[in-house]
Amino acid sequence: MDKFLNAKTKKIALIIIIIAAIELSGHGIFASLFRFLSSVN
């Protein structure tokens, strides 16, 4: 059970790192939303 939990934790951490990298590069959902909101004002 401990091995399964450890593998799941590593997978979740990897997904979070990938999402963070996409967001920081400016191609993520939040970056697009902020660009849209600033273009409206």
C-alpha atoms as a PDB file:
ATOM      1  CA  MET A   1       0.000   0.000   0.000  1.00  0.00           C
ATOM      2  CA  ASP A   2       2.870   2.350   0.830  1.00  0.00           C
ATOM      3  CA  LYS A   3       4.464   1.797  -2.585  1.00  0.00           C
ATOM      4  CA  PHE A   4       1.162   2.558  -4.337  1.00  0.00           C
ATOM      5  CA  LEU A   5       0.687   5.751  -2.321  1.00  0.00           C
ATOM      6  CA  ASN A   6       4.259   6.875  -3.068  1.00  0.00           C
ATOM      7  CA  ALA A   7       3.805   6.317  -6.831  1.00  0.00           C
ATOM      8  CA  LYS A   8       0.506   8.224  -6.788  1.00  0.00           C
ATOM      9  CA  THR A   9       2.108  11.118  -4.896  1.00  0.00           C
ATOM     10  CA  LYS A  10       4.979  11.280  -7.413  1.00  0.00           C
ATOM     11  CA  LYS A  11       2.505  11.318 -10.325  1.00  0.00           C
ATOM     12  CA  ILE A  12       0.462  14.138  -8.758  1.00  0.00           C
ATOM     13  CA  ALA A  13       3.626  16.144  -8.067  1.00  0.00           C
ATOM     14  CA  LEU A  14       4.753  15.693 -11.678  1.00  0.00           C
ATOM     15  CA  ILE A  15       1.382  16.894 -13.017  1.00  0.00           C
ATOM     16  CA  ILE A  16       1.529  19.964 -10.734  1.00  0.00           C
ATOM     17  CA  ILE A  17       5.063  20.785 -11.947  1.00  0.00           C
ATOM     18  CA  ILE A  18       3.994  20.490 -15.616  1.00  0.00           C
ATOM     19  CA  ILE A  19       0.931  22.718 -15.064  1.00  0.00           C
ATOM     20  CA  ALA A  20       3.051  25.278 -13.192  1.00  0.00           C
ATOM     21  CA  ALA A  21       5.599  25.341 -16.037  1.00  0.00           C
ATOM     22  CA  ILE A  22       2.843  25.906 -18.631  1.00  0.00           C
ATOM     23  CA  GLU A  23       1.292  28.692 -16.550  1.00  0.00           C
ATOM     24  CA  LEU A  24       4.643  30.424 -15.962  1.00  0.00           C
ATOM     25  CA  SER A  25       5.487  30.281 -19.675  1.00  0.00           C
ATOM     26  CA  GLY A  26       2.328  32.308 -20.373  1.00  0.00           C
ATOM     27  CA  HIS A  27       0.292  29.707 -22.279  1.00  0.00           C
ATOM     28  CA  GLY A  28      -1.922  28.538 -19.422  1.00  0.00           C
ATOM     29  CA  ILE A  29      -5.572  29.096 -18.601  1.00  0.00           C
ATOM     30  CA  PHE A  30      -4.842  31.744 -15.960  1.00  0.00           C
ATOM     31  CA  ALA A  31      -2.463  33.665 -18.235  1.00  0.00           C
ATOM     32  CA  SER A  32      -5.058  33.669 -21.031  1.00  0.00           C
ATOM     33  CA  LEU A  33      -7.768  34.797 -18.606  1.00  0.00           C
ATOM     34  CA  PHE A  34      -5.651  37.708 -17.338  1.00  0.00           C
ATOM     35  CA  ARG A  35      -4.835  38.723 -20.932  1.00  0.00           C
ATOM     36  CA  PHE A  36      -8.550  38.658 -21.811  1.00  0.00           C
ATOM     37  CA  LEU A  37      -9.513  40.698 -18.753  1.00  0.00           C
ATOM     38  CA  SER A  38      -6.833  43.317 -19.432  1.00  0.00           C
ATOM     39  CA  SER A  39      -7.933  43.611 -23.065  1.00  0.00           C
ATOM     40  CA  VAL A  40     -11.540  44.265 -21.971  1.00  0.00           C
ATOM     41  CA  ASN A  41     -10.576  47.204 -19.738  1.00  0.00           C
END
